Amino acid sequence: MNVSPVGIVGCGLMGSACAKRLLAAGHAVVGYDIDPAKSAALGAMGGRSAASLDELALNCRTLVLAVFNTEQAETTCDALLAALPARPEGSPLGGGAPTLTAICVSTCDPDRIAALAQRLPAQRLRFVEMPVSGTSDQTARGDALGLVGGDPAAAEAVKDVLEAICPRRHHLGAAGNGGRAKLAINLILGINRAALAEGLVFAERMGLPLTPFLAVARDSAAYSQIMDVKGDKMIAGDFTPHGKIAQTLKDFSLMLELAQRLQQQLPLAGTYTDIVEGCMKAGEAELDNAAVIREIRRRSRAS
């Protein structure tokens, strides 16, 4: 167990879920977010807020990066690295403190993450990626899957933190491989969400009551876990976010960009991106990604 607190950078949905898991496991948690209200909300959970990244770098040995995108992951690591020489002997960790380890749980560009991990001086700042397969709600319950990439020794050194966040994990090799697996998994999940939403709308238009229809679909060969995670939300119109539309568009745009580099067409990903863009245009960026059912309903009315 770490004697120093675990830092959280980015206290939104996923950062808060990670904090909840860490606090439940007995870790002290301190968080920083560019939105002070988000980091202050950790206080209600039993953690505390930090005024800056420098404060986290001075007082933590392990940090969880729950930032929005690749650029934020890169700039955060650079800022942490710049802050490390400022650790004075009087700080809680001392001037000769062990290396700081950053664990990135965000969905990022895997090639840039691989390059970031390679250029960081491991004797000062070690980098472990563990993008999380699952919603923030699943993460908070301990049901998400961690996709670990990076130096196995670095991952082993922070095993207690990884274990607290994701009891189920796979180590996929070098940094970047976790993100590659996450993007491929998210592609499948997104298409499953769209298929579920379209099936529900189709059943609805044919006059079937949706709640019993969903129960039948769960018992059929068409079953997927997405029916359990998003089905009731779609039927109830409950779009309290566990994974936002804006985040989904970010992830799928990244998939299409990477596929273009690989000269690979992703026709279903392209179709789903078009649906999500429709949600964005309708002002639904902050809603749960189950809100894709709204866009599918809109299109069926237009036809």
C-alpha atoms as a PDB file:
ATOM      1  CA  MET A   1       0.000   0.000   0.000  1.00  0.00           C
ATOM      2  CA  ASN A   2       1.325   3.455  -0.910  1.00  0.00           C
ATOM      3  CA  VAL A   3       2.123   5.586   2.145  1.00  0.00           C
ATOM      4  CA  SER A   4       1.788   8.762   0.059  1.00  0.00           C
ATOM      5  CA  PRO A   5      -1.569   9.739  -1.444  1.00  0.00           C
ATOM      6  CA  VAL A   6      -2.528   8.686  -4.960  1.00  0.00           C
ATOM      7  CA  GLY A   7      -3.042  11.717  -7.178  1.00  0.00           C
ATOM      8  CA  ILE A   8      -5.889  11.997  -9.680  1.00  0.00           C
ATOM      9  CA  VAL A   9      -5.467  14.352 -12.647  1.00  0.00           C
ATOM     10  CA  GLY A  10      -8.887  15.002 -14.160  1.00  0.00           C
ATOM     11  CA  CYS A  11     -11.824  14.613 -11.784  1.00  0.00           C
ATOM     12  CA  GLY A  12     -14.648  14.052 -14.267  1.00  0.00           C
ATOM     13  CA  LEU A  13     -16.643  10.845 -14.651  1.00  0.00           C
ATOM     14  CA  MET A  14     -13.723   8.431 -14.944  1.00  0.00           C
ATOM     15  CA  GLY A  15     -11.447  10.278 -12.520  1.00  0.00           C
ATOM     16  CA  SER A  16     -14.173  10.281  -9.882  1.00  0.00           C
ATOM     17  CA  ALA A  17     -14.834   6.572 -10.456  1.00  0.00           C
ATOM     18  CA  CYS A  18     -11.123   5.816  -9.995  1.00  0.00           C
ATOM     19  CA  ALA A  19     -11.046   7.932  -6.838  1.00  0.00           C
ATOM     20  CA  LYS A  20     -14.020   6.015  -5.439  1.00  0.00           C
ATOM     21  CA  ARG A  21     -12.260   2.686  -6.058  1.00  0.00           C
ATOM     22  CA  LEU A  22      -8.987   3.898  -4.519  1.00  0.00           C
ATOM     23  CA  LEU A  23     -10.664   5.335  -1.420  1.00  0.00           C
ATOM     24  CA  ALA A  24     -12.589   2.108  -0.889  1.00  0.00           C
ATOM     25  CA  ALA A  25      -9.287   0.208  -1.051  1.00  0.00           C
ATOM     26  CA  GLY A  26      -7.809   2.378   1.706  1.00  0.00           C
ATOM     27  CA  HIS A  27      -5.694   4.772  -0.346  1.00  0.00           C
ATOM     28  CA  ALA A  28      -5.542   8.454   0.447  1.00  0.00           C
ATOM     29  CA  VAL A  29      -6.548  10.394  -2.675  1.00  0.00           C
ATOM     30  CA  VAL A  30      -5.823  13.950  -3.777  1.00  0.00           C
ATOM     31  CA  GLY A  31      -7.200  15.302  -7.044  1.00  0.00           C
ATOM     32  CA  TYR A  32      -6.585  18.161  -9.444  1.00  0.00           C
ATOM     33  CA  ASP A  33      -8.819  19.386 -12.256  1.00  0.00           C
ATOM     34  CA  ILE A  34      -8.764  22.597 -14.276  1.00  0.00           C
ATOM     35  CA  ASP A  35     -12.371  22.968 -13.080  1.00  0.00           C
ATOM     36  CA  PRO A  36     -11.962  23.588  -9.314  1.00  0.00           C
ATOM     37  CA  ALA A  37     -15.528  22.422  -8.629  1.00  0.00           C
ATOM     38  CA  LYS A  38     -14.685  18.939  -9.940  1.00  0.00           C
ATOM     39  CA  SER A  39     -11.583  18.529  -7.790  1.00  0.00           C
ATOM     40  CA  ALA A  40     -13.419  19.988  -4.779  1.00  0.00           C
ATOM     41  CA  ALA A  41     -16.112  17.312  -5.230  1.00  0.00           C
ATOM     42  CA  LEU A  42     -13.540  14.720  -4.152  1.00  0.00           C
ATOM     43  CA  GLY A  43     -13.911  16.099  -0.641  1.00  0.00           C
ATOM     44  CA  ALA A  44     -17.432  14.741  -0.435  1.00  0.00           C
ATOM     45  CA  MET A  45     -16.025  11.308  -1.291  1.00  0.00           C
ATOM     46  CA  GLY A  46     -13.326  11.419   1.376  1.00  0.00           C
ATOM     47  CA  GLY A  47     -10.414  12.729  -0.701  1.00  0.00           C
ATOM     48  CA  ARG A  48      -9.060  16.252  -0.991  1.00  0.00           C
ATOM     49  CA  SER A  49      -8.255  18.671  -3.772  1.00  0.00           C
ATOM     50  CA  ALA A  50      -4.904  20.022  -4.914  1.00  0.00           C
ATOM     51  CA  ALA A  51      -4.312  23.544  -6.164  1.00  0.00           C
ATOM     52  CA  SER A  52      -1.956  22.535  -8.977  1.00  0.00           C
ATOM     53  CA  LEU A  53      -0.158  19.750 -10.795  1.00  0.00           C
ATOM     54  CA  ASP A  54       3.010  20.851  -9.022  1.00  0.00           C
ATOM     55  CA  GLU A  55       1.371  20.044  -5.693  1.00  0.00           C
ATOM     56  CA  LEU A  56       0.588  16.528  -6.896  1.00  0.00           C
ATOM     57  CA  ALA A  57       4.130  16.045  -8.206  1.00  0.00           C
ATOM     58  CA  LEU A  58       5.565  17.149  -4.866  1.00  0.00           C
ATOM     59  CA  ASN A  59       3.362  14.965  -2.675  1.00  0.00           C
ATOM     60  CA  CYS A  60       2.500  11.801  -4.633  1.00  0.00           C
ATOM     61  CA  ARG A  61       4.449   8.839  -5.920  1.00  0.00           C
ATOM     62  CA  THR A  62       1.618   7.544  -8.095  1.00  0.00           C
ATOM     63  CA  LEU A  63      -0.733   9.585 -10.257  1.00  0.00           C
ATOM     64  CA  VAL A  64      -3.784   8.492 -12.242  1.00  0.00           C
ATOM     65  CA  LEU A  65      -4.301  10.508 -15.422  1.00  0.00           C
ATOM     66  CA  ALA A  66      -8.012  10.609 -16.279  1.00  0.00           C
ATOM     67  CA  VAL A  67      -7.747  13.373 -18.861  1.00  0.00           C
ATOM     68  CA  PHE A  68      -9.855  13.901 -21.982  1.00  0.00           C
ATOM     69  CA  ASN A  69      -7.430  13.221 -24.827  1.00  0.00           C
ATOM     70  CA  THR A  70      -3.886  12.451 -25.954  1.00  0.00           C
ATOM     71  CA  GLU A  71      -2.724  16.067 -25.973  1.00  0.00           C
ATOM     72  CA  GLN A  72      -3.753  16.490 -22.352  1.00  0.00           C
ATOM     73  CA  ALA A  73      -1.921  13.292 -21.400  1.00  0.00           C
ATOM     74  CA  GLU A  74       1.245  14.579 -23.094  1.00  0.00           C
ATOM     75  CA  THR A  75       1.099  18.080 -21.623  1.00  0.00           C
ATOM     76  CA  THR A  76       0.319  16.704 -18.149  1.00  0.00           C
ATOM     77  CA  CYS A  77       3.341  14.395 -18.222  1.00  0.00           C
ATOM     78  CA  ASP A  78       5.575  17.247 -19.404  1.00  0.00           C
ATOM     79  CA  ALA A  79       4.272  19.473 -16.604  1.00  0.00           C
ATOM     80  CA  LEU A  80       4.853  16.758 -14.013  1.00  0.00           C
ATOM     81  CA  LEU A  81       8.355  16.166 -15.294  1.00  0.00           C
ATOM     82  CA  ALA A  82       9.123  19.876 -15.048  1.00  0.00           C
ATOM     83  CA  ALA A  83       7.859  19.934 -11.461  1.00  0.00           C
ATOM     84  CA  LEU A  84       9.903  16.975 -10.232  1.00  0.00           C
ATOM     85  CA  PRO A  85      13.252  18.779  -9.713  1.00  0.00           C
ATOM     86  CA  ALA A  86      11.432  21.182  -7.391  1.00  0.00           C
ATOM     87  CA  ARG A  87      10.918  18.486  -4.748  1.00  0.00           C
ATOM     88  CA  PRO A  88      12.726  19.918  -1.709  1.00  0.00           C
ATOM     89  CA  GLU A  89      14.110  17.901   1.159  1.00  0.00           C
ATOM     90  CA  GLY A  90      11.310  19.238   3.339  1.00  0.00           C
ATOM     91  CA  SER A  91       8.528  17.853   1.146  1.00  0.00           C
ATOM     92  CA  PRO A  92       6.643  14.734   2.346  1.00  0.00           C
ATOM     93  CA  LEU A  93       8.616  12.622  -0.110  1.00  0.00           C
ATOM     94  CA  GLY A  94      11.987  14.279   0.329  1.00  0.00           C
ATOM     95  CA  GLY A  95      14.540  15.363  -2.252  1.00  0.00           C
ATOM     96  CA  GLY A  96      15.661  11.804  -2.925  1.00  0.00           C
ATOM     97  CA  ALA A  97      12.139  10.522  -3.446  1.00  0.00           C
ATOM     98  CA  PRO A  98      11.449   7.429  -5.548  1.00  0.00           C
ATOM     99  CA  THR A  99      10.386   7.790  -9.134  1.00  0.00           C
ATOM    100  CA  LEU A 100       6.922   9.161  -9.858  1.00  0.00           C
ATOM    101  CA  THR A 101       4.642   6.808 -11.809  1.00  0.00           C
ATOM    102  CA  ALA A 102       1.852   8.105 -14.033  1.00  0.00           C
ATOM    103  CA  ILE A 103      -0.988   5.673 -14.865  1.00  0.00           C
ATOM    104  CA  CYS A 104      -3.030   6.876 -17.838  1.00  0.00           C
ATOM    105  CA  VAL A 105      -6.588   5.503 -17.877  1.00  0.00           C
ATOM    106  CA  SER A 106      -7.736   7.681 -20.795  1.00  0.00           C
ATOM    107  CA  THR A 107      -8.436   6.575 -24.359  1.00  0.00           C
ATOM    108  CA  CYS A 108      -5.600   8.072 -26.390  1.00  0.00           C
ATOM    109  CA  ASP A 109      -3.769   7.806 -29.703  1.00  0.00           C
ATOM    110  CA  PRO A 110      -1.742   4.614 -29.154  1.00  0.00           C
ATOM    111  CA  ASP A 111       1.138   5.668 -31.398  1.00  0.00           C
ATOM    112  CA  ARG A 112       1.575   8.952 -29.533  1.00  0.00           C
ATOM    113  CA  ILE A 113       1.296   7.148 -26.192  1.00  0.00           C
ATOM    114  CA  ALA A 114       4.048   4.737 -27.272  1.00  0.00           C
ATOM    115  CA  ALA A 115       6.220   7.711 -28.237  1.00  0.00           C
ATOM    116  CA  LEU A 116       5.449   9.469 -24.943  1.00  0.00           C
ATOM    117  CA  ALA A 117       6.398   6.431 -22.872  1.00  0.00           C
ATOM    118  CA  GLN A 118       9.646   6.093 -24.819  1.00  0.00           C
ATOM    119  CA  ARG A 119      10.753   9.704 -24.418  1.00  0.00           C
ATOM    120  CA  LEU A 120       9.988  10.074 -20.698  1.00  0.00           C
ATOM    121  CA  PRO A 121      13.070   9.494 -18.499  1.00  0.00           C
ATOM    122  CA  ALA A 122      12.031   6.379 -16.603  1.00  0.00           C
ATOM    123  CA  GLN A 123      14.382   7.127 -13.705  1.00  0.00           C
ATOM    124  CA  ARG A 124      12.232  10.197 -12.947  1.00  0.00           C
ATOM    125  CA  LEU A 125       8.785   9.577 -14.418  1.00  0.00           C
ATOM    126  CA  ARG A 126       7.570   6.098 -15.286  1.00  0.00           C
ATOM    127  CA  PHE A 127       4.540   5.743 -17.534  1.00  0.00           C
ATOM    128  CA  VAL A 128       1.974   2.945 -17.436  1.00  0.00           C
ATOM    129  CA  GLU A 129      -1.144   2.977 -19.585  1.00  0.00           C
ATOM    130  CA  MET A 130      -4.332   1.314 -18.437  1.00  0.00           C
ATOM    131  CA  PRO A 131      -7.270   2.507 -20.528  1.00  0.00           C
ATOM    132  CA  VAL A 132     -10.433   1.143 -19.004  1.00  0.00           C
ATOM    133  CA  SER A 133     -12.963  -0.924 -20.927  1.00  0.00           C
ATOM    134  CA  GLY A 134     -16.273  -0.053 -19.303  1.00  0.00           C
ATOM    135  CA  THR A 135     -18.350   2.945 -18.314  1.00  0.00           C
ATOM    136  CA  SER A 136     -17.546   5.151 -15.354  1.00  0.00           C
ATOM    137  CA  ASP A 137     -20.390   3.410 -13.508  1.00  0.00           C
ATOM    138  CA  GLN A 138     -18.910  -0.023 -14.241  1.00  0.00           C
ATOM    139  CA  THR A 139     -15.499   1.253 -13.126  1.00  0.00           C
ATOM    140  CA  ALA A 140     -16.908   2.559  -9.841  1.00  0.00           C
ATOM    141  CA  ARG A 141     -18.436  -0.878  -9.182  1.00  0.00           C
ATOM    142  CA  GLY A 142     -15.173  -2.683  -9.992  1.00  0.00           C
ATOM    143  CA  ASP A 143     -16.644  -4.314 -13.107  1.00  0.00           C
ATOM    144  CA  ALA A 144     -14.457  -2.628 -15.739  1.00  0.00           C
ATOM    145  CA  LEU A 145     -11.509  -4.274 -17.488  1.00  0.00           C
ATOM    146  CA  GLY A 146      -8.053  -2.701 -17.353  1.00  0.00           C
ATOM    147  CA  LEU A 147      -5.950  -2.860 -20.544  1.00  0.00           C
ATOM    148  CA  VAL A 148      -2.378  -2.442 -19.334  1.00  0.00           C
ATOM    149  CA  GLY A 149       0.574  -1.491 -21.492  1.00  0.00           C
ATOM    150  CA  GLY A 150       4.138  -0.564 -20.620  1.00  0.00           C
ATOM    151  CA  ASP A 151       7.139  -1.842 -18.699  1.00  0.00           C
ATOM    152  CA  PRO A 152       5.979  -4.872 -16.646  1.00  0.00           C
ATOM    153  CA  ALA A 153       8.248  -3.837 -13.757  1.00  0.00           C
ATOM    154  CA  ALA A 154       6.703  -0.359 -13.673  1.00  0.00           C
ATOM    155  CA  ALA A 155       3.209  -1.884 -13.706  1.00  0.00           C
ATOM    156  CA  GLU A 156       4.145  -4.320 -10.939  1.00  0.00           C
ATOM    157  CA  ALA A 157       5.436  -1.448  -8.781  1.00  0.00           C
ATOM    158  CA  VAL A 158       1.964   0.158  -8.795  1.00  0.00           C
ATOM    159  CA  LYS A 159       0.002  -3.096  -8.753  1.00  0.00           C
ATOM    160  CA  ASP A 160      -1.968  -2.053  -5.670  1.00  0.00           C
ATOM    161  CA  VAL A 161      -3.310   1.019  -7.501  1.00  0.00           C
ATOM    162  CA  LEU A 162      -4.084  -0.909 -10.692  1.00  0.00           C
ATOM    163  CA  GLU A 163      -5.791  -3.613  -8.631  1.00  0.00           C
ATOM    164  CA  ALA A 164      -7.912  -1.098  -6.750  1.00  0.00           C
ATOM    165  CA  ILE A 165      -9.194   0.493  -9.965  1.00  0.00           C
ATOM    166  CA  CYS A 166      -9.565  -2.664 -12.072  1.00  0.00           C
ATOM    167  CA  PRO A 167      -9.525  -6.044 -10.321  1.00  0.00           C
ATOM    168  CA  ARG A 168      -9.725  -7.566 -13.828  1.00  0.00           C
ATOM    169  CA  ARG A 169      -6.767  -6.652 -16.040  1.00  0.00           C
ATOM    170  CA  HIS A 170      -4.745  -7.859 -18.999  1.00  0.00           C
ATOM    171  CA  HIS A 171      -1.165  -6.784 -19.710  1.00  0.00           C
ATOM    172  CA  LEU A 172      -0.884  -6.455 -23.487  1.00  0.00           C
ATOM    173  CA  GLY A 173       2.815  -5.658 -23.854  1.00  0.00           C
ATOM    174  CA  ALA A 174       4.441  -2.370 -24.741  1.00  0.00           C
ATOM    175  CA  ALA A 175       2.888   1.037 -24.088  1.00  0.00           C
ATOM    176  CA  GLY A 176       0.375   1.757 -26.831  1.00  0.00           C
ATOM    177  CA  ASN A 177      -0.999  -1.774 -26.998  1.00  0.00           C
ATOM    178  CA  GLY A 178      -3.506  -1.072 -24.246  1.00  0.00           C
ATOM    179  CA  GLY A 179      -4.861   1.844 -26.255  1.00  0.00           C
ATOM    180  CA  ARG A 180      -4.944  -0.204 -29.453  1.00  0.00           C
ATOM    181  CA  ALA A 181      -7.031  -2.862 -27.730  1.00  0.00           C
ATOM    182  CA  LYS A 182      -9.285  -0.193 -26.193  1.00  0.00           C
ATOM    183  CA  LEU A 183     -10.014   1.413 -29.575  1.00  0.00           C
ATOM    184  CA  ALA A 184     -10.877  -1.927 -31.186  1.00  0.00           C
ATOM    185  CA  ILE A 185     -13.109  -2.846 -28.222  1.00  0.00           C
ATOM    186  CA  ASN A 186     -14.798   0.573 -28.265  1.00  0.00           C
ATOM    187  CA  LEU A 187     -15.484   0.171 -31.975  1.00  0.00           C
ATOM    188  CA  ILE A 188     -17.349  -3.077 -31.262  1.00  0.00           C
ATOM    189  CA  LEU A 189     -19.189  -1.515 -28.317  1.00  0.00           C
ATOM    190  CA  GLY A 190     -20.247   1.549 -30.277  1.00  0.00           C
ATOM    191  CA  ILE A 191     -21.630  -0.516 -33.134  1.00  0.00           C
ATOM    192  CA  ASN A 192     -23.441  -2.726 -30.604  1.00  0.00           C
ATOM    193  CA  ARG A 193     -24.966   0.422 -29.041  1.00  0.00           C
ATOM    194  CA  ALA A 194     -26.176   1.589 -32.444  1.00  0.00           C
ATOM    195  CA  ALA A 195     -27.554  -1.864 -33.279  1.00  0.00           C
ATOM    196  CA  LEU A 196     -29.427  -1.995 -29.969  1.00  0.00           C
ATOM    197  CA  ALA A 197     -30.830   1.510 -30.435  1.00  0.00           C
ATOM    198  CA  GLU A 198     -31.903   0.766 -34.004  1.00  0.00           C
ATOM    199  CA  GLY A 199     -33.487  -2.528 -32.979  1.00  0.00           C
ATOM    200  CA  LEU A 200     -35.412  -0.832 -30.167  1.00  0.00           C
ATOM    201  CA  VAL A 201     -36.669   1.905 -32.496  1.00  0.00           C
ATOM    202  CA  PHE A 202     -37.685  -0.683 -35.097  1.00  0.00           C
ATOM    203  CA  ALA A 203     -39.532  -2.766 -32.472  1.00  0.00           C
ATOM    204  CA  GLU A 204     -41.209   0.405 -31.194  1.00  0.00           C
ATOM    205  CA  ARG A 205     -42.379   1.415 -34.682  1.00  0.00           C
ATOM    206  CA  MET A 206     -43.866  -2.053 -35.132  1.00  0.00           C
ATOM    207  CA  GLY A 207     -45.868  -1.596 -31.938  1.00  0.00           C
ATOM    208  CA  LEU A 208     -43.945  -3.838 -29.559  1.00  0.00           C
ATOM    209  CA  PRO A 209     -43.722  -2.705 -25.901  1.00  0.00           C
ATOM    210  CA  LEU A 210     -40.021  -2.068 -25.373  1.00  0.00           C
ATOM    211  CA  THR A 211     -39.455  -3.382 -21.842  1.00  0.00           C
ATOM    212  CA  PRO A 212     -40.710  -6.916 -22.559  1.00  0.00           C
ATOM    213  CA  PHE A 213     -39.049  -6.803 -25.983  1.00  0.00           C
ATOM    214  CA  LEU A 214     -35.684  -6.032 -24.350  1.00  0.00           C
ATOM    215  CA  ALA A 215     -36.166  -9.022 -22.042  1.00  0.00           C
ATOM    216  CA  VAL A 216     -36.770 -11.230 -25.073  1.00  0.00           C
ATOM    217  CA  ALA A 217     -33.732  -9.772 -26.883  1.00  0.00           C
ATOM    218  CA  ARG A 218     -31.568 -10.498 -23.828  1.00  0.00           C
ATOM    219  CA  ASP A 219     -32.687 -14.130 -24.004  1.00  0.00           C
ATOM    220  CA  SER A 220     -32.001 -14.392 -27.742  1.00  0.00           C
ATOM    221  CA  ALA A 221     -28.954 -15.077 -29.878  1.00  0.00           C
ATOM    222  CA  ALA A 222     -28.627 -11.297 -30.341  1.00  0.00           C
ATOM    223  CA  TYR A 223     -27.664 -10.813 -26.671  1.00  0.00           C
ATOM    224  CA  SER A 224     -24.717  -8.594 -25.803  1.00  0.00           C
ATOM    225  CA  GLN A 225     -23.692  -6.977 -22.519  1.00  0.00           C
ATOM    226  CA  ILE A 226     -24.604  -3.603 -24.011  1.00  0.00           C
ATOM    227  CA  MET A 227     -28.261  -4.581 -23.534  1.00  0.00           C
ATOM    228  CA  ASP A 228     -27.655  -4.734 -19.767  1.00  0.00           C
ATOM    229  CA  VAL A 229     -25.620  -1.528 -19.642  1.00  0.00           C
ATOM    230  CA  LYS A 230     -27.609   0.696 -22.020  1.00  0.00           C
ATOM    231  CA  GLY A 231     -30.940  -0.980 -22.758  1.00  0.00           C
ATOM    232  CA  ASP A 232     -32.940   0.308 -19.791  1.00  0.00           C
ATOM    233  CA  LYS A 233     -31.379   3.763 -20.162  1.00  0.00           C
ATOM    234  CA  MET A 234     -32.472   3.929 -23.799  1.00  0.00           C
ATOM    235  CA  ILE A 235     -36.025   2.821 -22.979  1.00  0.00           C
ATOM    236  CA  ALA A 236     -36.382   5.189 -20.009  1.00  0.00           C
ATOM    237  CA  GLY A 237     -34.719   8.108 -21.783  1.00  0.00           C
ATOM    238  CA  ASP A 238     -32.279   8.309 -18.876  1.00  0.00           C
ATOM    239  CA  PHE A 239     -29.193   9.891 -20.377  1.00  0.00           C
ATOM    240  CA  THR A 240     -27.392  10.685 -17.128  1.00  0.00           C
ATOM    241  CA  PRO A 241     -23.826  10.321 -18.394  1.00  0.00           C
ATOM    242  CA  HIS A 242     -21.674   7.289 -17.676  1.00  0.00           C
ATOM    243  CA  GLY A 243     -19.876   7.840 -20.991  1.00  0.00           C
ATOM    244  CA  LYS A 244     -20.613  11.052 -22.884  1.00  0.00           C
ATOM    245  CA  ILE A 245     -21.539  11.586 -26.533  1.00  0.00           C
ATOM    246  CA  ALA A 246     -18.602  14.014 -26.882  1.00  0.00           C
ATOM    247  CA  GLN A 247     -16.186  11.370 -25.610  1.00  0.00           C
ATOM    248  CA  THR A 248     -17.618   8.819 -28.024  1.00  0.00           C
ATOM    249  CA  LEU A 249     -17.079  11.178 -30.958  1.00  0.00           C
ATOM    250  CA  LYS A 250     -13.502  11.784 -29.799  1.00  0.00           C
ATOM    251  CA  ASP A 251     -12.825   8.037 -29.656  1.00  0.00           C
ATOM    252  CA  PHE A 252     -14.401   7.243 -33.024  1.00  0.00           C
ATOM    253  CA  SER A 253     -12.643  10.148 -34.719  1.00  0.00           C
ATOM    254  CA  LEU A 254      -9.397   8.704 -33.371  1.00  0.00           C
ATOM    255  CA  MET A 255     -10.305   5.240 -34.714  1.00  0.00           C
ATOM    256  CA  LEU A 256     -10.992   6.618 -38.191  1.00  0.00           C
ATOM    257  CA  GLU A 257      -7.779   8.663 -38.140  1.00  0.00           C
ATOM    258  CA  LEU A 258      -5.741   5.605 -37.154  1.00  0.00           C
ATOM    259  CA  ALA A 259      -7.521   3.434 -39.734  1.00  0.00           C
ATOM    260  CA  GLN A 260      -6.643   5.973 -42.426  1.00  0.00           C
ATOM    261  CA  ARG A 261      -2.966   5.695 -41.444  1.00  0.00           C
ATOM    262  CA  LEU A 262      -3.321   1.921 -41.762  1.00  0.00           C
ATOM    263  CA  GLN A 263      -5.173   2.221 -45.100  1.00  0.00           C
ATOM    264  CA  GLN A 264      -8.099   0.281 -43.648  1.00  0.00           C
ATOM    265  CA  GLN A 265     -11.744   1.162 -44.235  1.00  0.00           C
ATOM    266  CA  LEU A 266     -14.055   0.978 -41.208  1.00  0.00           C
ATOM    267  CA  PRO A 267     -17.499   1.349 -42.825  1.00  0.00           C
ATOM    268  CA  LEU A 268     -19.538   0.611 -39.700  1.00  0.00           C
ATOM    269  CA  ALA A 269     -17.405   2.963 -37.614  1.00  0.00           C
ATOM    270  CA  GLY A 270     -18.029   5.644 -40.224  1.00  0.00           C
ATOM    271  CA  THR A 271     -21.782   5.125 -40.005  1.00  0.00           C
ATOM    272  CA  TYR A 272     -21.755   5.265 -36.211  1.00  0.00           C
ATOM    273  CA  THR A 273     -19.641   8.435 -36.265  1.00  0.00           C
ATOM    274  CA  ASP A 274     -22.259  10.041 -38.501  1.00  0.00           C
ATOM    275  CA  ILE A 275     -24.976   9.149 -35.958  1.00  0.00           C
ATOM    276  CA  VAL A 276     -22.936  10.568 -33.069  1.00  0.00           C
ATOM    277  CA  GLU A 277     -22.270  13.746 -35.044  1.00  0.00           C
ATOM    278  CA  GLY A 278     -26.039  14.071 -35.395  1.00  0.00           C
ATOM    279  CA  CYS A 279     -26.316  13.968 -31.602  1.00  0.00           C
ATOM    280  CA  MET A 280     -23.638  16.633 -31.319  1.00  0.00           C
ATOM    281  CA  LYS A 281     -25.517  18.908 -33.731  1.00  0.00           C
ATOM    282  CA  ALA A 282     -28.666  18.400 -31.619  1.00  0.00           C
ATOM    283  CA  GLY A 283     -26.835  19.725 -28.537  1.00  0.00           C
ATOM    284  CA  GLU A 284     -26.464  16.328 -26.841  1.00  0.00           C
ATOM    285  CA  ALA A 285     -22.681  16.369 -26.310  1.00  0.00           C
ATOM    286  CA  GLU A 286     -22.891  15.999 -22.516  1.00  0.00           C
ATOM    287  CA  LEU A 287     -25.517  13.240 -22.529  1.00  0.00           C
ATOM    288  CA  ASP A 288     -24.782   9.544 -22.068  1.00  0.00           C
ATOM    289  CA  ASN A 289     -23.916   7.800 -25.318  1.00  0.00           C
ATOM    290  CA  ALA A 290     -27.153   5.830 -25.006  1.00  0.00           C
ATOM    291  CA  ALA A 291     -28.654   9.015 -26.488  1.00  0.00           C
ATOM    292  CA  VAL A 292     -27.776   7.699 -29.954  1.00  0.00           C
ATOM    293  CA  ILE A 293     -31.324   6.302 -29.844  1.00  0.00           C
ATOM    294  CA  ARG A 294     -32.566   9.896 -30.116  1.00  0.00           C
ATOM    295  CA  GLU A 295     -30.726  10.451 -33.378  1.00  0.00           C
ATOM    296  CA  ILE A 296     -31.995   7.155 -34.787  1.00  0.00           C
ATOM    297  CA  ARG A 297     -35.554   8.149 -33.842  1.00  0.00           C
ATOM    298  CA  ARG A 298     -35.058  11.528 -35.509  1.00  0.00           C
ATOM    299  CA  ARG A 299     -33.921   9.855 -38.707  1.00  0.00           C
ATOM    300  CA  SER A 300     -36.831   7.445 -38.742  1.00  0.00           C
ATOM    301  CA  ARG A 301     -39.242  10.364 -38.431  1.00  0.00           C
ATOM    302  CA  ALA A 302     -37.479  12.195 -41.263  1.00  0.00           C
ATOM    303  CA  SER A 303     -37.928   9.190 -43.524  1.00  0.00           C
END
